[in-house]
């Protein structure tokens, strides 16, 4: 009996080792990055590529070097956020929010349930628990930004009320909505907005808007090709409304300044809805939208600040 157990154990060990060796031979493992004392291997990069393509299938068509760079940057961003989060949260205990996040992701990728999402992820050699970990980091990061900076958010409610009254009077109980995608970009040293805009437009013409968003956008929406979804006109600033009202569906705006950064919007669709507008409800939405906009800006600034103190080496 004992001999049988030993033989079985050796067989299982050999089977595991064979599979491991097969994986390594196919992709010889080597270190690609070091982020502080944490290493990132080429297999981590492959896994991240699969993740990014799962969220935006069109990335499979872009230049291999560009996809490699995207995967590296995505891992760096996630590792830096995780290092910061560990200072404030017990990541192991932060699991109660996971189910809702998976439901939201399933809907975003147009799946009816988690089972369909699981099957889809298997096509990319991805496990649902890995995805949960990534979603957890993003959610806790947003919570950290809220906790640290909500007191710095400044909302002029009177100004929003006056703006909303004017819009409601003008709209005559008709809601105008825009289905939008975005590329939020920052400027490098000695780079002008016009230069960066032209570079991005050239990439859009070559690879499509979704891929250009993955490559150039610093917004979290970039992972989904920049898609924002349907936005009520009343939630948009006057400068954005001015740009999108004069162009047709399927077209792009000029570069719009947003804080220290710039944004290109793609109008995917437009629609008009006839309904009685509830002032208080729309005001609440507008306040939330404005808070989130300011928090997103603060998030970018905070991330850039902590990244400066992280040692990253590419091997």
C-alpha atoms as a PDB file:
ATOM      1  CA  UNK A   1       0.000   0.000   0.000  1.00  0.00           C
ATOM      2  CA  UNK A   2       2.828   2.319   0.946  1.00  0.00           C
ATOM      3  CA  UNK A   3       4.665   1.578  -2.315  1.00  0.00           C
ATOM      4  CA  UNK A   4       1.518   2.333  -4.311  1.00  0.00           C
ATOM      5  CA  UNK A   5       1.183   5.700  -2.599  1.00  0.00           C
ATOM      6  CA  UNK A   6       4.824   6.525  -3.329  1.00  0.00           C
ATOM      7  CA  UNK A   7       4.431   5.524  -6.996  1.00  0.00           C
ATOM      8  CA  UNK A   8       1.264   7.613  -7.262  1.00  0.00           C
ATOM      9  CA  UNK A   9       2.995  10.607  -5.677  1.00  0.00           C
ATOM     10  CA  UNK A  10       5.991  10.284  -8.029  1.00  0.00           C
ATOM     11  CA  UNK A  11       3.646  10.027 -11.001  1.00  0.00           C
ATOM     12  CA  UNK A  12       1.758  13.158  -9.973  1.00  0.00           C
ATOM     13  CA  UNK A  13       4.981  15.016  -9.307  1.00  0.00           C
ATOM     14  CA  UNK A  14       6.381  13.943 -12.690  1.00  0.00           C
ATOM     15  CA  UNK A  15       3.166  15.009 -14.379  1.00  0.00           C
ATOM     16  CA  UNK A  16       3.313  18.422 -12.714  1.00  0.00           C
ATOM     17  CA  UNK A  17       7.007  18.811 -13.537  1.00  0.00           C
ATOM     18  CA  UNK A  18       6.411  17.813 -17.171  1.00  0.00           C
ATOM     19  CA  UNK A  19       3.708  20.445 -17.535  1.00  0.00           C
ATOM     20  CA  UNK A  20       5.883  23.059 -15.874  1.00  0.00           C
ATOM     21  CA  UNK A  21       8.863  22.233 -18.117  1.00  0.00           C
ATOM     22  CA  UNK A  22       6.626  22.312 -21.187  1.00  0.00           C
ATOM     23  CA  UNK A  23       5.412  25.792 -20.231  1.00  0.00           C
ATOM     24  CA  UNK A  24       8.928  27.023 -19.544  1.00  0.00           C
ATOM     25  CA  UNK A  25      10.367  25.569 -22.775  1.00  0.00           C
ATOM     26  CA  UNK A  26       7.654  27.302 -24.741  1.00  0.00           C
ATOM     27  CA  UNK A  27       8.466  30.544 -22.955  1.00  0.00           C
ATOM     28  CA  UNK A  28      11.841  30.481 -21.233  1.00  0.00           C
ATOM     29  CA  UNK A  29      11.306  32.336 -17.974  1.00  0.00           C
ATOM     30  CA  UNK A  30      13.357  35.458 -17.447  1.00  0.00           C
ATOM     31  CA  UNK A  31      13.020  38.683 -15.481  1.00  0.00           C
ATOM     32  CA  UNK A  32      11.735  41.631 -17.487  1.00  0.00           C
ATOM     33  CA  UNK A  33      11.179  44.270 -14.802  1.00  0.00           C
ATOM     34  CA  UNK A  34      12.004  44.987 -11.193  1.00  0.00           C
ATOM     35  CA  UNK A  35       9.630  47.242  -9.285  1.00  0.00           C
ATOM     36  CA  UNK A  36      11.397  47.960  -6.013  1.00  0.00           C
ATOM     37  CA  UNK A  37      12.143  44.431  -4.725  1.00  0.00           C
ATOM     38  CA  UNK A  38       9.407  42.750  -6.778  1.00  0.00           C
ATOM     39  CA  UNK A  39      10.216  40.973 -10.042  1.00  0.00           C
ATOM     40  CA  UNK A  40       8.084  40.740 -13.184  1.00  0.00           C
ATOM     41  CA  UNK A  41       8.814  37.901 -15.612  1.00  0.00           C
ATOM     42  CA  UNK A  42       8.064  37.468 -19.291  1.00  0.00           C
ATOM     43  CA  UNK A  43       5.282  35.059 -18.295  1.00  0.00           C
ATOM     44  CA  UNK A  44       3.680  37.841 -16.238  1.00  0.00           C
ATOM     45  CA  UNK A  45       3.824  40.015 -19.352  1.00  0.00           C
ATOM     46  CA  UNK A  46       2.164  37.294 -21.451  1.00  0.00           C
ATOM     47  CA  UNK A  47      -0.587  36.942 -18.853  1.00  0.00           C
ATOM     48  CA  UNK A  48      -1.140  40.720 -18.826  1.00  0.00           C
ATOM     49  CA  UNK A  49      -1.308  40.815 -22.627  1.00  0.00           C
ATOM     50  CA  UNK A  50      -4.024  38.173 -22.498  1.00  0.00           C
ATOM     51  CA  UNK A  51      -5.910  40.195 -19.893  1.00  0.00           C
ATOM     52  CA  UNK A  52      -5.756  43.390 -21.950  1.00  0.00           C
ATOM     53  CA  UNK A  53      -6.858  41.588 -25.116  1.00  0.00           C
ATOM     54  CA  UNK A  54      -9.731  39.964 -23.212  1.00  0.00           C
ATOM     55  CA  UNK A  55     -10.998  43.453 -22.316  1.00  0.00           C
ATOM     56  CA  UNK A  56     -10.355  44.880 -25.785  1.00  0.00           C
ATOM     57  CA  UNK A  57     -10.132  42.219 -28.517  1.00  0.00           C
ATOM     58  CA  UNK A  58      -8.881  44.646 -31.151  1.00  0.00           C
ATOM     59  CA  UNK A  59      -5.538  44.863 -29.300  1.00  0.00           C
ATOM     60  CA  UNK A  60      -4.626  41.505 -30.844  1.00  0.00           C
ATOM     61  CA  UNK A  61      -4.102  43.372 -34.118  1.00  0.00           C
ATOM     62  CA  UNK A  62      -1.627  45.994 -32.927  1.00  0.00           C
ATOM     63  CA  UNK A  63       2.153  45.957 -33.230  1.00  0.00           C
ATOM     64  CA  UNK A  64       3.756  43.371 -30.895  1.00  0.00           C
ATOM     65  CA  UNK A  65       6.119  45.941 -29.413  1.00  0.00           C
ATOM     66  CA  UNK A  66       3.222  48.274 -28.637  1.00  0.00           C
ATOM     67  CA  UNK A  67       1.312  45.450 -26.942  1.00  0.00           C
ATOM     68  CA  UNK A  68       4.431  44.543 -24.944  1.00  0.00           C
ATOM     69  CA  UNK A  69       4.770  48.148 -23.770  1.00  0.00           C
ATOM     70  CA  UNK A  70       1.086  48.314 -22.853  1.00  0.00           C
ATOM     71  CA  UNK A  71       1.372  45.156 -20.766  1.00  0.00           C
ATOM     72  CA  UNK A  72       4.486  46.415 -18.968  1.00  0.00           C
ATOM     73  CA  UNK A  73       2.897  49.768 -18.178  1.00  0.00           C
ATOM     74  CA  UNK A  74      -0.289  48.079 -16.983  1.00  0.00           C
ATOM     75  CA  UNK A  75       1.647  45.817 -14.600  1.00  0.00           C
ATOM     76  CA  UNK A  76       3.758  48.714 -13.316  1.00  0.00           C
ATOM     77  CA  UNK A  77       0.637  50.746 -12.620  1.00  0.00           C
ATOM     78  CA  UNK A  78      -1.050  47.883 -10.787  1.00  0.00           C
ATOM     79  CA  UNK A  79       2.029  47.014  -8.699  1.00  0.00           C
ATOM     80  CA  UNK A  80       2.524  50.635  -7.631  1.00  0.00           C
ATOM     81  CA  UNK A  81      -1.116  50.961  -6.599  1.00  0.00           C
ATOM     82  CA  UNK A  82      -0.962  47.688  -4.683  1.00  0.00           C
ATOM     83  CA  UNK A  83       2.168  48.784  -2.803  1.00  0.00           C
ATOM     84  CA  UNK A  84       0.382  51.949  -1.724  1.00  0.00           C
ATOM     85  CA  UNK A  85      -2.846  50.154  -0.791  1.00  0.00           C
ATOM     86  CA  UNK A  86      -1.063  47.694   1.493  1.00  0.00           C
ATOM     87  CA  UNK A  87      -0.196  50.644   3.745  1.00  0.00           C
ATOM     88  CA  UNK A  88      -3.880  51.299   4.439  1.00  0.00           C
ATOM     89  CA  UNK A  89      -5.900  48.129   3.805  1.00  0.00           C
ATOM     90  CA  UNK A  90      -5.845  44.428   4.520  1.00  0.00           C
ATOM     91  CA  UNK A  91      -6.227  43.204   0.948  1.00  0.00           C
ATOM     92  CA  UNK A  92      -7.087  39.674   2.056  1.00  0.00           C
ATOM     93  CA  UNK A  93     -10.172  40.869   3.939  1.00  0.00           C
ATOM     94  CA  UNK A  94     -11.423  43.160   1.177  1.00  0.00           C
ATOM     95  CA  UNK A  95     -13.432  40.491  -0.626  1.00  0.00           C
ATOM     96  CA  UNK A  96     -17.058  41.389   0.142  1.00  0.00           C
ATOM     97  CA  UNK A  97     -17.247  43.731  -2.864  1.00  0.00           C
ATOM     98  CA  UNK A  98     -16.065  41.184  -5.425  1.00  0.00           C
ATOM     99  CA  UNK A  99     -19.367  39.725  -6.600  1.00  0.00           C
ATOM    100  CA  UNK A 100     -20.806  43.086  -7.653  1.00  0.00           C
ATOM    101  CA  UNK A 101     -17.574  43.937  -9.469  1.00  0.00           C
ATOM    102  CA  UNK A 102     -17.704  40.682 -11.432  1.00  0.00           C
ATOM    103  CA  UNK A 103     -21.356  41.327 -12.320  1.00  0.00           C
ATOM    104  CA  UNK A 104     -20.420  44.805 -13.566  1.00  0.00           C
ATOM    105  CA  UNK A 105     -17.534  43.407 -15.630  1.00  0.00           C
ATOM    106  CA  UNK A 106     -19.802  40.738 -17.142  1.00  0.00           C
ATOM    107  CA  UNK A 107     -22.260  43.424 -18.236  1.00  0.00           C
ATOM    108  CA  UNK A 108     -19.492  45.624 -19.629  1.00  0.00           C
ATOM    109  CA  UNK A 109     -18.243  42.743 -21.776  1.00  0.00           C
ATOM    110  CA  UNK A 110     -21.842  41.905 -22.787  1.00  0.00           C
ATOM    111  CA  UNK A 111     -22.156  38.602 -20.916  1.00  0.00           C
ATOM    112  CA  UNK A 112     -25.367  37.575 -19.190  1.00  0.00           C
ATOM    113  CA  UNK A 113     -23.739  35.990 -16.149  1.00  0.00           C
ATOM    114  CA  UNK A 114     -20.477  35.002 -14.481  1.00  0.00           C
ATOM    115  CA  UNK A 115     -20.520  31.533 -16.039  1.00  0.00           C
ATOM    116  CA  UNK A 116     -20.334  33.050 -19.525  1.00  0.00           C
ATOM    117  CA  UNK A 117     -17.539  35.339 -18.357  1.00  0.00           C
ATOM    118  CA  UNK A 118     -15.609  32.367 -16.907  1.00  0.00           C
ATOM    119  CA  UNK A 119     -15.788  30.480 -20.212  1.00  0.00           C
ATOM    120  CA  UNK A 120     -14.669  33.570 -22.093  1.00  0.00           C
ATOM    121  CA  UNK A 121     -11.676  34.116 -19.794  1.00  0.00           C
ATOM    122  CA  UNK A 122     -10.541  30.507 -20.263  1.00  0.00           C
ATOM    123  CA  UNK A 123      -9.969  31.322 -23.943  1.00  0.00           C
ATOM    124  CA  UNK A 124      -7.227  33.686 -22.764  1.00  0.00           C
ATOM    125  CA  UNK A 125      -5.819  31.315 -20.134  1.00  0.00           C
ATOM    126  CA  UNK A 126      -7.188  33.590 -17.408  1.00  0.00           C
ATOM    127  CA  UNK A 127      -8.721  32.622 -14.101  1.00  0.00           C
ATOM    128  CA  UNK A 128     -11.638  34.497 -12.540  1.00  0.00           C
ATOM    129  CA  UNK A 129      -9.728  34.849  -9.247  1.00  0.00           C
ATOM    130  CA  UNK A 130      -6.930  36.717 -11.048  1.00  0.00           C
ATOM    131  CA  UNK A 131      -9.495  39.108 -12.480  1.00  0.00           C
ATOM    132  CA  UNK A 132     -11.077  39.580  -9.060  1.00  0.00           C
ATOM    133  CA  UNK A 133      -7.687  40.562  -7.657  1.00  0.00           C
ATOM    134  CA  UNK A 134      -7.240  43.198 -10.361  1.00  0.00           C
ATOM    135  CA  UNK A 135     -10.731  44.595  -9.815  1.00  0.00           C
ATOM    136  CA  UNK A 136     -10.143  44.653  -6.065  1.00  0.00           C
ATOM    137  CA  UNK A 137      -7.000  46.756  -6.492  1.00  0.00           C
ATOM    138  CA  UNK A 138      -8.800  49.273  -8.720  1.00  0.00           C
ATOM    139  CA  UNK A 139     -11.771  49.518  -6.364  1.00  0.00           C
ATOM    140  CA  UNK A 140      -9.644  49.972  -3.247  1.00  0.00           C
ATOM    141  CA  UNK A 141      -7.530  52.545  -5.070  1.00  0.00           C
ATOM    142  CA  UNK A 142     -10.669  54.551  -5.807  1.00  0.00           C
ATOM    143  CA  UNK A 143     -11.675  54.223  -2.151  1.00  0.00           C
ATOM    144  CA  UNK A 144      -8.243  55.434  -1.053  1.00  0.00           C
ATOM    145  CA  UNK A 145      -8.473  58.462  -3.337  1.00  0.00           C
ATOM    146  CA  UNK A 146     -11.938  59.247  -1.981  1.00  0.00           C
ATOM    147  CA  UNK A 147     -10.840  58.933   1.656  1.00  0.00           C
ATOM    148  CA  UNK A 148      -7.728  61.062   1.170  1.00  0.00           C
ATOM    149  CA  UNK A 149      -9.059  63.784  -1.097  1.00  0.00           C
ATOM    150  CA  UNK A 150     -12.819  64.160  -0.729  1.00  0.00           C
ATOM    151  CA  UNK A 151     -12.262  67.185   1.538  1.00  0.00           C
ATOM    152  CA  UNK A 152     -10.347  68.857  -1.301  1.00  0.00           C
ATOM    153  CA  UNK A 153     -13.235  68.485  -3.739  1.00  0.00           C
ATOM    154  CA  UNK A 154     -14.973  71.803  -4.230  1.00  0.00           C
ATOM    155  CA  UNK A 155     -18.518  71.894  -5.605  1.00  0.00           C
ATOM    156  CA  UNK A 156     -20.232  75.195  -6.342  1.00  0.00           C
ATOM    157  CA  UNK A 157     -23.790  73.930  -5.922  1.00  0.00           C
ATOM    158  CA  UNK A 158     -25.360  77.314  -6.699  1.00  0.00           C
ATOM    159  CA  UNK A 159     -23.510  77.452  -9.996  1.00  0.00           C
ATOM    160  CA  UNK A 160     -24.675  73.928 -10.839  1.00  0.00           C
ATOM    161  CA  UNK A 161     -28.270  74.800  -9.889  1.00  0.00           C
ATOM    162  CA  UNK A 162     -28.267  77.872 -12.124  1.00  0.00           C
ATOM    163  CA  UNK A 163     -26.721  75.900 -14.987  1.00  0.00           C
ATOM    164  CA  UNK A 164     -29.280  73.106 -14.606  1.00  0.00           C
ATOM    165  CA  UNK A 165     -32.249  75.514 -14.516  1.00  0.00           C
ATOM    166  CA  UNK A 166     -31.099  77.080 -17.767  1.00  0.00           C
ATOM    167  CA  UNK A 167     -30.608  73.693 -19.430  1.00  0.00           C
ATOM    168  CA  UNK A 168     -34.015  72.379 -18.309  1.00  0.00           C
ATOM    169  CA  UNK A 169     -35.800  75.506 -19.541  1.00  0.00           C
ATOM    170  CA  UNK A 170     -34.004  75.208 -22.864  1.00  0.00           C
ATOM    171  CA  UNK A 171     -34.589  71.463 -23.261  1.00  0.00           C
ATOM    172  CA  UNK A 172     -38.409  71.515 -22.873  1.00  0.00           C
ATOM    173  CA  UNK A 173     -38.574  68.113 -21.150  1.00  0.00           C
ATOM    174  CA  UNK A 174     -36.236  66.480 -23.654  1.00  0.00           C
ATOM    175  CA  UNK A 175     -33.087  64.717 -22.492  1.00  0.00           C
ATOM    176  CA  UNK A 176     -30.141  64.750 -24.876  1.00  0.00           C
ATOM    177  CA  UNK A 177     -27.652  61.932 -24.374  1.00  0.00           C
ATOM    178  CA  UNK A 178     -24.351  61.075 -26.016  1.00  0.00           C
ATOM    179  CA  UNK A 179     -22.619  57.720 -26.178  1.00  0.00           C
ATOM    180  CA  UNK A 180     -18.967  58.668 -25.744  1.00  0.00           C
ATOM    181  CA  UNK A 181     -15.482  57.195 -25.804  1.00  0.00           C
ATOM    182  CA  UNK A 182     -12.422  59.092 -24.611  1.00  0.00           C
ATOM    183  CA  UNK A 183      -8.684  59.395 -24.879  1.00  0.00           C
ATOM    184  CA  UNK A 184      -7.340  61.385 -21.939  1.00  0.00           C
ATOM    185  CA  UNK A 185      -3.707  62.205 -22.640  1.00  0.00           C
ATOM    186  CA  UNK A 186      -0.852  64.027 -20.961  1.00  0.00           C
ATOM    187  CA  UNK A 187       2.028  65.893 -22.568  1.00  0.00           C
ATOM    188  CA  UNK A 188       5.638  64.780 -22.404  1.00  0.00           C
ATOM    189  CA  UNK A 189       8.478  67.266 -21.982  1.00  0.00           C
ATOM    190  CA  UNK A 190       8.722  69.745 -24.884  1.00  0.00           C
ATOM    191  CA  UNK A 191       5.548  68.343 -26.452  1.00  0.00           C
ATOM    192  CA  UNK A 192       2.704  70.618 -27.571  1.00  0.00           C
ATOM    193  CA  UNK A 193      -1.004  69.666 -27.458  1.00  0.00           C
ATOM    194  CA  UNK A 194      -1.136  69.922 -31.256  1.00  0.00           C
ATOM    195  CA  UNK A 195       1.821  67.550 -31.703  1.00  0.00           C
ATOM    196  CA  UNK A 196       0.361  64.936 -29.354  1.00  0.00           C
ATOM    197  CA  UNK A 197      -3.107  65.309 -30.881  1.00  0.00           C
ATOM    198  CA  UNK A 198      -1.758  64.739 -34.405  1.00  0.00           C
ATOM    199  CA  UNK A 199       0.221  61.711 -33.196  1.00  0.00           C
ATOM    200  CA  UNK A 200      -2.895  60.185 -31.630  1.00  0.00           C
ATOM    201  CA  UNK A 201      -5.067  60.931 -34.670  1.00  0.00           C
ATOM    202  CA  UNK A 202      -2.499  59.206 -36.907  1.00  0.00           C
ATOM    203  CA  UNK A 203      -2.635  56.164 -34.627  1.00  0.00           C
ATOM    204  CA  UNK A 204      -6.453  56.176 -34.657  1.00  0.00           C
ATOM    205  CA  UNK A 205      -6.408  56.157 -38.464  1.00  0.00           C
ATOM    206  CA  UNK A 206      -3.934  53.276 -38.465  1.00  0.00           C
ATOM    207  CA  UNK A 207      -5.138  51.085 -35.586  1.00  0.00           C
ATOM    208  CA  UNK A 208      -8.597  52.368 -34.619  1.00  0.00           C
ATOM    209  CA  UNK A 209      -9.887  54.437 -31.690  1.00  0.00           C
ATOM    210  CA  UNK A 210     -10.014  51.593 -29.154  1.00  0.00           C
ATOM    211  CA  UNK A 211      -6.377  50.654 -29.654  1.00  0.00           C
ATOM    212  CA  UNK A 212      -5.259  54.286 -29.625  1.00  0.00           C
ATOM    213  CA  UNK A 213      -7.067  54.703 -26.309  1.00  0.00           C
ATOM    214  CA  UNK A 214      -5.200  51.732 -24.835  1.00  0.00           C
ATOM    215  CA  UNK A 215      -1.897  53.139 -26.062  1.00  0.00           C
ATOM    216  CA  UNK A 216      -2.231  56.836 -25.201  1.00  0.00           C
ATOM    217  CA  UNK A 217      -5.020  57.336 -22.648  1.00  0.00           C
ATOM    218  CA  UNK A 218      -4.199  57.677 -18.953  1.00  0.00           C
ATOM    219  CA  UNK A 219      -7.846  57.153 -17.985  1.00  0.00           C
ATOM    220  CA  UNK A 220      -9.023  53.853 -16.483  1.00  0.00           C
ATOM    221  CA  UNK A 221     -11.498  53.638 -19.378  1.00  0.00           C
ATOM    222  CA  UNK A 222      -8.535  52.923 -21.679  1.00  0.00           C
ATOM    223  CA  UNK A 223      -8.656  49.210 -20.760  1.00  0.00           C
ATOM    224  CA  UNK A 224     -12.063  49.049 -22.425  1.00  0.00           C
ATOM    225  CA  UNK A 225     -10.979  50.994 -25.493  1.00  0.00           C
ATOM    226  CA  UNK A 226     -11.923  54.320 -23.916  1.00  0.00           C
ATOM    227  CA  UNK A 227     -15.650  53.615 -23.773  1.00  0.00           C
ATOM    228  CA  UNK A 228     -17.541  55.789 -21.274  1.00  0.00           C
ATOM    229  CA  UNK A 229     -21.109  54.944 -22.306  1.00  0.00           C
ATOM    230  CA  UNK A 230     -24.231  57.101 -22.387  1.00  0.00           C
ATOM    231  CA  UNK A 231     -23.839  60.516 -20.761  1.00  0.00           C
ATOM    232  CA  UNK A 232     -26.597  63.046 -20.139  1.00  0.00           C
ATOM    233  CA  UNK A 233     -25.831  66.393 -21.771  1.00  0.00           C
ATOM    234  CA  UNK A 234     -26.536  68.136 -18.458  1.00  0.00           C
ATOM    235  CA  UNK A 235     -23.551  66.354 -16.886  1.00  0.00           C
ATOM    236  CA  UNK A 236     -21.109  67.776 -19.414  1.00  0.00           C
ATOM    237  CA  UNK A 237     -19.215  71.042 -19.185  1.00  0.00           C
ATOM    238  CA  UNK A 238     -19.981  73.889 -21.577  1.00  0.00           C
ATOM    239  CA  UNK A 239     -16.618  73.461 -23.314  1.00  0.00           C
ATOM    240  CA  UNK A 240     -17.362  69.794 -24.051  1.00  0.00           C
ATOM    241  CA  UNK A 241     -20.954  70.481 -25.143  1.00  0.00           C
ATOM    242  CA  UNK A 242     -19.675  73.164 -27.502  1.00  0.00           C
ATOM    243  CA  UNK A 243     -17.390  70.605 -29.160  1.00  0.00           C
ATOM    244  CA  UNK A 244     -19.728  67.622 -29.420  1.00  0.00           C
ATOM    245  CA  UNK A 245     -22.842  69.517 -30.551  1.00  0.00           C
ATOM    246  CA  UNK A 246     -21.172  70.560 -33.783  1.00  0.00           C
ATOM    247  CA  UNK A 247     -19.996  67.116 -34.906  1.00  0.00           C
ATOM    248  CA  UNK A 248     -21.822  64.016 -36.126  1.00  0.00           C
ATOM    249  CA  UNK A 249     -21.893  60.532 -34.620  1.00  0.00           C
ATOM    250  CA  UNK A 250     -18.721  58.630 -35.431  1.00  0.00           C
ATOM    251  CA  UNK A 251     -16.562  61.768 -35.446  1.00  0.00           C
ATOM    252  CA  UNK A 252     -13.887  63.087 -33.077  1.00  0.00           C
ATOM    253  CA  UNK A 253     -13.545  66.332 -31.159  1.00  0.00           C
ATOM    254  CA  UNK A 254     -10.489  68.508 -31.072  1.00  0.00           C
ATOM    255  CA  UNK A 255      -8.217  68.283 -28.029  1.00  0.00           C
ATOM    256  CA  UNK A 256     -10.180  69.611 -25.028  1.00  0.00           C
ATOM    257  CA  UNK A 257      -8.214  70.751 -21.986  1.00  0.00           C
ATOM    258  CA  UNK A 258      -9.186  68.969 -18.762  1.00  0.00           C
ATOM    259  CA  UNK A 259      -7.130  70.220 -15.831  1.00  0.00           C
ATOM    260  CA  UNK A 260      -3.473  69.668 -16.709  1.00  0.00           C
ATOM    261  CA  UNK A 261      -4.348  67.096 -19.370  1.00  0.00           C
ATOM    262  CA  UNK A 262      -6.192  66.953 -22.681  1.00  0.00           C
ATOM    263  CA  UNK A 263      -9.039  64.831 -23.981  1.00  0.00           C
ATOM    264  CA  UNK A 264     -10.266  63.620 -27.353  1.00  0.00           C
ATOM    265  CA  UNK A 265     -13.880  62.448 -27.428  1.00  0.00           C
ATOM    266  CA  UNK A 266     -15.474  60.159 -29.971  1.00  0.00           C
ATOM    267  CA  UNK A 267     -19.220  60.534 -30.375  1.00  0.00           C
ATOM    268  CA  UNK A 268     -20.417  56.978 -30.959  1.00  0.00           C
ATOM    269  CA  UNK A 269     -24.108  57.880 -30.994  1.00  0.00           C
ATOM    270  CA  UNK A 270     -26.652  60.533 -30.006  1.00  0.00           C
ATOM    271  CA  UNK A 271     -30.232  60.254 -28.817  1.00  0.00           C
ATOM    272  CA  UNK A 272     -33.119  62.399 -27.617  1.00  0.00           C
ATOM    273  CA  UNK A 273     -35.482  61.139 -24.902  1.00  0.00           C
ATOM    274  CA  UNK A 274     -38.854  62.721 -24.181  1.00  0.00           C
ATOM    275  CA  UNK A 275     -39.462  62.663 -20.419  1.00  0.00           C
ATOM    276  CA  UNK A 276     -40.338  64.972 -17.578  1.00  0.00           C
ATOM    277  CA  UNK A 277     -37.071  66.092 -16.015  1.00  0.00           C
ATOM    278  CA  UNK A 278     -36.787  65.851 -12.233  1.00  0.00           C
ATOM    279  CA  UNK A 279     -34.661  68.821 -11.150  1.00  0.00           C
ATOM    280  CA  UNK A 280     -33.495  67.361  -7.811  1.00  0.00           C
ATOM    281  CA  UNK A 281     -32.602  64.037  -9.387  1.00  0.00           C
ATOM    282  CA  UNK A 282     -30.594  65.664 -12.174  1.00  0.00           C
ATOM    283  CA  UNK A 283     -28.865  67.989  -9.702  1.00  0.00           C
ATOM    284  CA  UNK A 284     -27.804  64.991  -7.611  1.00  0.00           C
ATOM    285  CA  UNK A 285     -26.384  63.282 -10.718  1.00  0.00           C
ATOM    286  CA  UNK A 286     -24.572  66.451 -11.710  1.00  0.00           C
ATOM    287  CA  UNK A 287     -22.971  66.846  -8.269  1.00  0.00           C
ATOM    288  CA  UNK A 288     -21.810  63.202  -8.281  1.00  0.00           C
ATOM    289  CA  UNK A 289     -20.431  63.582 -11.796  1.00  0.00           C
ATOM    290  CA  UNK A 290     -18.519  66.725 -10.831  1.00  0.00           C
ATOM    291  CA  UNK A 291     -17.124  65.078  -7.683  1.00  0.00           C
ATOM    292  CA  UNK A 292     -15.942  62.057  -9.668  1.00  0.00           C
ATOM    293  CA  UNK A 293     -14.331  64.281 -12.278  1.00  0.00           C
ATOM    294  CA  UNK A 294     -12.315  66.121  -9.630  1.00  0.00           C
ATOM    295  CA  UNK A 295     -11.409  62.888  -7.825  1.00  0.00           C
ATOM    296  CA  UNK A 296     -10.172  61.372 -11.090  1.00  0.00           C
ATOM    297  CA  UNK A 297      -7.874  64.359 -11.576  1.00  0.00           C
ATOM    298  CA  UNK A 298      -6.593  64.036  -8.005  1.00  0.00           C
ATOM    299  CA  UNK A 299      -6.049  60.314  -8.562  1.00  0.00           C
ATOM    300  CA  UNK A 300      -3.806  60.973 -11.575  1.00  0.00           C
ATOM    301  CA  UNK A 301      -1.795  63.563  -9.656  1.00  0.00           C
ATOM    302  CA  UNK A 302      -1.401  61.297  -6.610  1.00  0.00           C
ATOM    303  CA  UNK A 303      -0.341  58.304  -8.680  1.00  0.00           C
ATOM    304  CA  UNK A 304       2.261  60.339 -10.543  1.00  0.00           C
ATOM    305  CA  UNK A 305       3.607  61.596  -7.215  1.00  0.00           C
ATOM    306  CA  UNK A 306       4.049  58.155  -5.638  1.00  0.00           C
ATOM    307  CA  UNK A 307       5.456  56.689  -8.868  1.00  0.00           C
ATOM    308  CA  UNK A 308       8.345  59.166  -8.670  1.00  0.00           C
ATOM    309  CA  UNK A 309       9.468  57.478  -5.429  1.00  0.00           C
ATOM    310  CA  UNK A 310       9.309  53.928  -6.816  1.00  0.00           C
ATOM    311  CA  UNK A 311      12.470  52.417  -8.288  1.00  0.00           C
ATOM    312  CA  UNK A 312      11.681  50.670 -11.581  1.00  0.00           C
ATOM    313  CA  UNK A 313      14.354  48.934 -13.648  1.00  0.00           C
ATOM    314  CA  UNK A 314      13.881  47.234 -17.016  1.00  0.00           C
ATOM    315  CA  UNK A 315      16.183  44.253 -17.547  1.00  0.00           C
END
